[in-house]
Amino acid sequence: MKVVVLTGPESSGKTFLAERLQRHFGGLVVGEYVRHFIEQEQRDTRLADIPAIARGQLAWEDAARTRAPELLILDTHLLSNMLWSQTLFGACPDWLEAELLQRHYDLHLLLSPQGVDWHDDGQRCQPQLTERQRFHQACGDWLQRHARPWTGVGGDWLQREAQAIEQVRRLLG
C-alpha cells in the first residue's frame, strides 16, 4: 500500500485532487474529519476539541489502512490539525506531533495557495492570501524539518491535477 497525503492551506485543492487522483488511479480516499465534526457540532471549534478532531481523523485513516488498498489518498492528516490548532489557539496537544511522526506516509503533496482563488464554503477562515501563504510555509517547514517525502504542487487547477497525477504515477512506479 502506498499512502499519499494532500496538505497545505485551505482552498488550495486538497479535496479536488484527492477525487481526481482516485478517479485516475483508483484507491481509497480518506476525507477531512474536522468538516464532519463542525457539521455535527454546529459551532466553531475550540482548543478543547482538537484531541477529538485528531482522534477522529486517525480513526478514519486507520479504518482505511485496514482495508489495505493499493493506494490510500488522505485529504489531510494530523499536520493540518496541529497547524490549525497553533494558528487558531496558539497551542496544540503535544501528542499530535508524536503520533504523526510514528506514522508512515509515502508522499506528501504540498499545495500552494497561489494560482487558485479562495472559496468561502462556510468553514474556511483565511481569505487573505498572506495568511494562506504562512500556513503553506509552516507545512513545508515541518515536512523539511522532519525529512518527510514531499513535493510542491501549484498553478491553476489543470496544472495541479497534472502535477499530482505525475507524482503519484512515479510513486506507484
Protein backbone atom coordinates (compact mmCIF):
# COMPACT_ATOMS: atom_id res chain seq x y z
CA MET A 1 0.00 0.00 0.00
CA LYS A 2 1.21 3.49 -0.90
CA VAL A 3 -0.08 6.41 1.15
CA VAL A 4 -0.32 9.89 -0.37
CA VAL A 5 -1.21 12.93 1.73
CA LEU A 6 -2.59 16.16 0.32
CA THR A 7 -1.57 19.02 2.58
CA GLY A 8 -1.45 22.78 2.56
CA PRO A 9 -3.69 25.74 3.26
CA GLU A 10 -7.44 25.83 2.90
CA SER A 11 -8.93 26.28 -0.56
CA SER A 12 -5.79 25.02 -2.33
CA GLY A 13 -7.39 21.94 -3.87
CA LYS A 14 -6.86 19.04 -1.48
CA THR A 15 -10.34 17.58 -1.85
CA PHE A 16 -10.41 18.28 -5.59
CA LEU A 17 -7.09 16.50 -6.11
CA ALA A 18 -7.99 13.60 -3.83
CA GLU A 19 -11.03 12.96 -6.02
CA ARG A 20 -9.04 13.35 -9.24
CA LEU A 21 -6.31 11.00 -8.04
CA GLN A 22 -8.88 8.40 -7.06
CA ARG A 23 -10.60 8.73 -10.42
CA HIS A 24 -7.27 8.28 -12.22
CA PHE A 25 -5.63 5.55 -10.11
CA GLY A 26 -8.41 4.04 -8.03
CA GLY A 27 -7.63 3.54 -4.40
CA LEU A 28 -9.36 4.82 -1.31
CA VAL A 29 -9.81 8.45 -0.20
CA VAL A 30 -9.98 9.49 3.46
CA GLY A 31 -11.75 12.81 3.96
CA GLU A 32 -11.21 15.60 6.41
CA TYR A 33 -12.71 14.67 9.78
CA VAL A 34 -12.86 18.25 11.06
CA ARG A 35 -15.51 19.07 8.43
CA HIS A 36 -17.66 16.23 9.77
CA PHE A 37 -17.03 17.44 13.33
CA ILE A 38 -18.09 21.02 12.52
CA GLU A 39 -21.23 19.82 10.74
CA GLN A 40 -22.14 17.64 13.73
CA GLU A 41 -21.43 20.25 16.40
CA GLN A 42 -22.81 23.27 14.51
CA ARG A 43 -20.38 25.66 16.21
CA ASP A 44 -16.84 26.97 15.92
CA THR A 45 -14.16 24.65 17.20
CA ARG A 46 -12.29 25.26 20.45
CA LEU A 47 -8.87 24.18 21.66
CA ALA A 48 -10.60 21.54 23.80
CA ASP A 49 -11.97 19.99 20.56
CA ILE A 50 -8.57 19.36 18.99
CA PRO A 51 -7.98 15.94 20.62
CA ALA A 52 -11.39 14.67 19.48
CA ILE A 53 -10.83 16.00 15.96
CA ALA A 54 -7.37 14.42 15.79
CA ARG A 55 -8.64 11.09 17.13
CA GLY A 56 -11.46 11.16 14.59
CA GLN A 57 -9.01 11.80 11.75
CA LEU A 58 -6.79 8.97 12.97
CA ALA A 59 -9.75 6.61 13.27
CA TRP A 60 -10.81 7.32 9.67
CA GLU A 61 -7.23 6.85 8.48
CA ASP A 62 -6.75 3.63 10.45
CA ALA A 63 -10.03 2.18 9.20
CA ALA A 64 -8.91 2.86 5.63
CA ARG A 65 -5.48 1.35 6.27
CA THR A 66 -7.09 -1.92 7.46
CA ARG A 67 -8.73 -2.22 4.04
CA ALA A 68 -5.18 -2.23 2.55
CA PRO A 69 -5.89 -0.52 -0.78
CA GLU A 70 -3.03 -0.31 -3.26
CA LEU A 71 -3.31 3.47 -2.98
CA LEU A 72 -4.55 5.36 0.08
CA ILE A 73 -5.20 9.06 -0.55
CA LEU A 74 -5.52 11.29 2.51
CA ASP A 75 -7.31 14.61 2.02
CA THR A 76 -5.44 15.73 5.15
CA HIS A 77 -3.66 14.33 8.20
CA LEU A 78 -2.53 15.40 11.66
CA LEU A 79 -0.17 18.07 10.32
CA SER A 80 -3.17 20.21 9.40
CA ASN A 81 -4.75 19.56 12.81
CA MET A 82 -1.54 20.65 14.51
CA LEU A 83 -1.05 23.79 12.44
CA TRP A 84 -4.69 24.86 12.67
CA SER A 85 -4.60 24.38 16.44
CA GLN A 86 -1.49 26.57 16.65
CA THR A 87 -2.92 29.14 14.22
CA LEU A 88 -6.33 29.47 15.87
CA PHE A 89 -5.49 28.87 19.52
CA GLY A 90 -1.73 29.39 19.90
CA ALA A 91 -1.36 25.88 21.32
CA CYS A 92 -1.58 22.24 20.32
CA PRO A 93 -1.69 18.98 22.30
CA ASP A 94 1.85 17.56 22.31
CA TRP A 95 0.78 14.03 21.45
CA LEU A 96 -0.37 15.02 17.94
CA GLU A 97 3.14 15.54 16.62
CA ALA A 98 4.45 12.39 18.30
CA GLU A 99 1.60 10.39 16.77
CA LEU A 100 2.19 11.93 13.34
CA LEU A 101 5.90 11.14 13.46
CA GLN A 102 5.16 7.45 14.19
CA ARG A 103 3.11 7.02 11.01
CA HIS A 104 4.36 6.15 7.55
CA TYR A 105 3.40 8.24 4.54
CA ASP A 106 5.00 7.65 1.15
CA LEU A 107 4.41 11.11 -0.33
CA HIS A 108 3.06 14.49 0.73
CA LEU A 109 1.77 16.80 -1.99
CA LEU A 110 2.09 20.32 -0.58
CA LEU A 111 -0.41 22.56 -2.36
CA SER A 112 0.37 26.21 -2.94
CA PRO A 113 -2.24 28.85 -2.16
CA GLN A 114 -1.19 30.83 -5.24
CA GLY A 115 -2.78 30.32 -8.63
CA VAL A 116 -6.30 29.47 -7.45
CA ASP A 117 -8.97 31.61 -5.84
CA TRP A 118 -10.07 31.24 -2.24
CA HIS A 119 -13.61 29.90 -1.94
CA ASP A 120 -15.76 30.58 1.12
CA ASP A 121 -17.60 27.36 1.94
CA GLY A 122 -18.80 28.42 5.38
CA GLN A 123 -15.98 26.62 7.24
CA ARG A 124 -12.93 28.44 5.90
CA CYS A 125 -11.42 31.41 7.68
CA GLN A 126 -8.31 32.56 5.79
CA PRO A 127 -9.47 34.72 2.87
CA GLN A 128 -6.19 36.64 2.78
CA LEU A 129 -3.51 35.12 0.56
CA THR A 130 -0.81 36.15 3.06
CA GLU A 131 -2.48 34.03 5.76
CA ARG A 132 -2.62 31.01 3.45
CA GLN A 133 1.00 31.57 2.41
CA ARG A 134 2.06 31.48 6.08
CA PHE A 135 0.18 28.20 6.56
CA HIS A 136 1.80 26.79 3.39
CA GLN A 137 5.23 27.82 4.66
CA ALA A 138 4.58 26.21 8.04
CA CYS A 139 3.60 22.95 6.31
CA GLY A 140 6.75 22.99 4.18
CA ASP A 141 8.95 23.87 7.16
CA TRP A 142 7.55 20.96 9.18
CA LEU A 143 7.93 18.48 6.31
CA GLN A 144 11.54 19.57 5.74
CA ARG A 145 12.44 19.65 9.44
CA HIS A 146 11.23 16.07 9.84
CA ALA A 147 12.61 14.84 6.50
CA ARG A 148 9.22 13.71 5.18
CA PRO A 149 8.89 12.89 1.48
CA TRP A 150 7.11 15.78 -0.24
CA THR A 151 6.82 17.78 -3.39
CA GLY A 152 5.15 21.09 -4.14
CA VAL A 153 2.10 21.39 -6.36
CA GLY A 154 0.92 24.69 -7.81
CA GLY A 155 -0.53 26.55 -10.75
CA ASP A 156 -4.11 26.51 -11.93
CA TRP A 157 -6.50 23.59 -11.41
CA LEU A 158 -5.40 21.70 -14.53
CA GLN A 159 -1.72 22.19 -13.71
CA ARG A 160 -2.26 20.96 -10.16
CA GLU A 161 -4.07 17.89 -11.40
CA ALA A 162 -1.34 17.08 -13.93
CA GLN A 163 1.41 17.54 -11.34
CA ALA A 164 -0.36 15.41 -8.73
CA ILE A 165 -1.04 12.62 -11.23
CA GLU A 166 2.58 12.63 -12.36
CA GLN A 167 3.89 12.46 -8.79
CA VAL A 168 1.60 9.57 -7.88
CA ARG A 169 2.45 7.79 -11.14
CA ARG A 170 6.15 7.99 -10.16
CA LEU A 171 5.35 6.73 -6.67
CA LEU A 172 3.41 3.75 -7.96
CA GLY A 173 6.16 3.03 -10.49
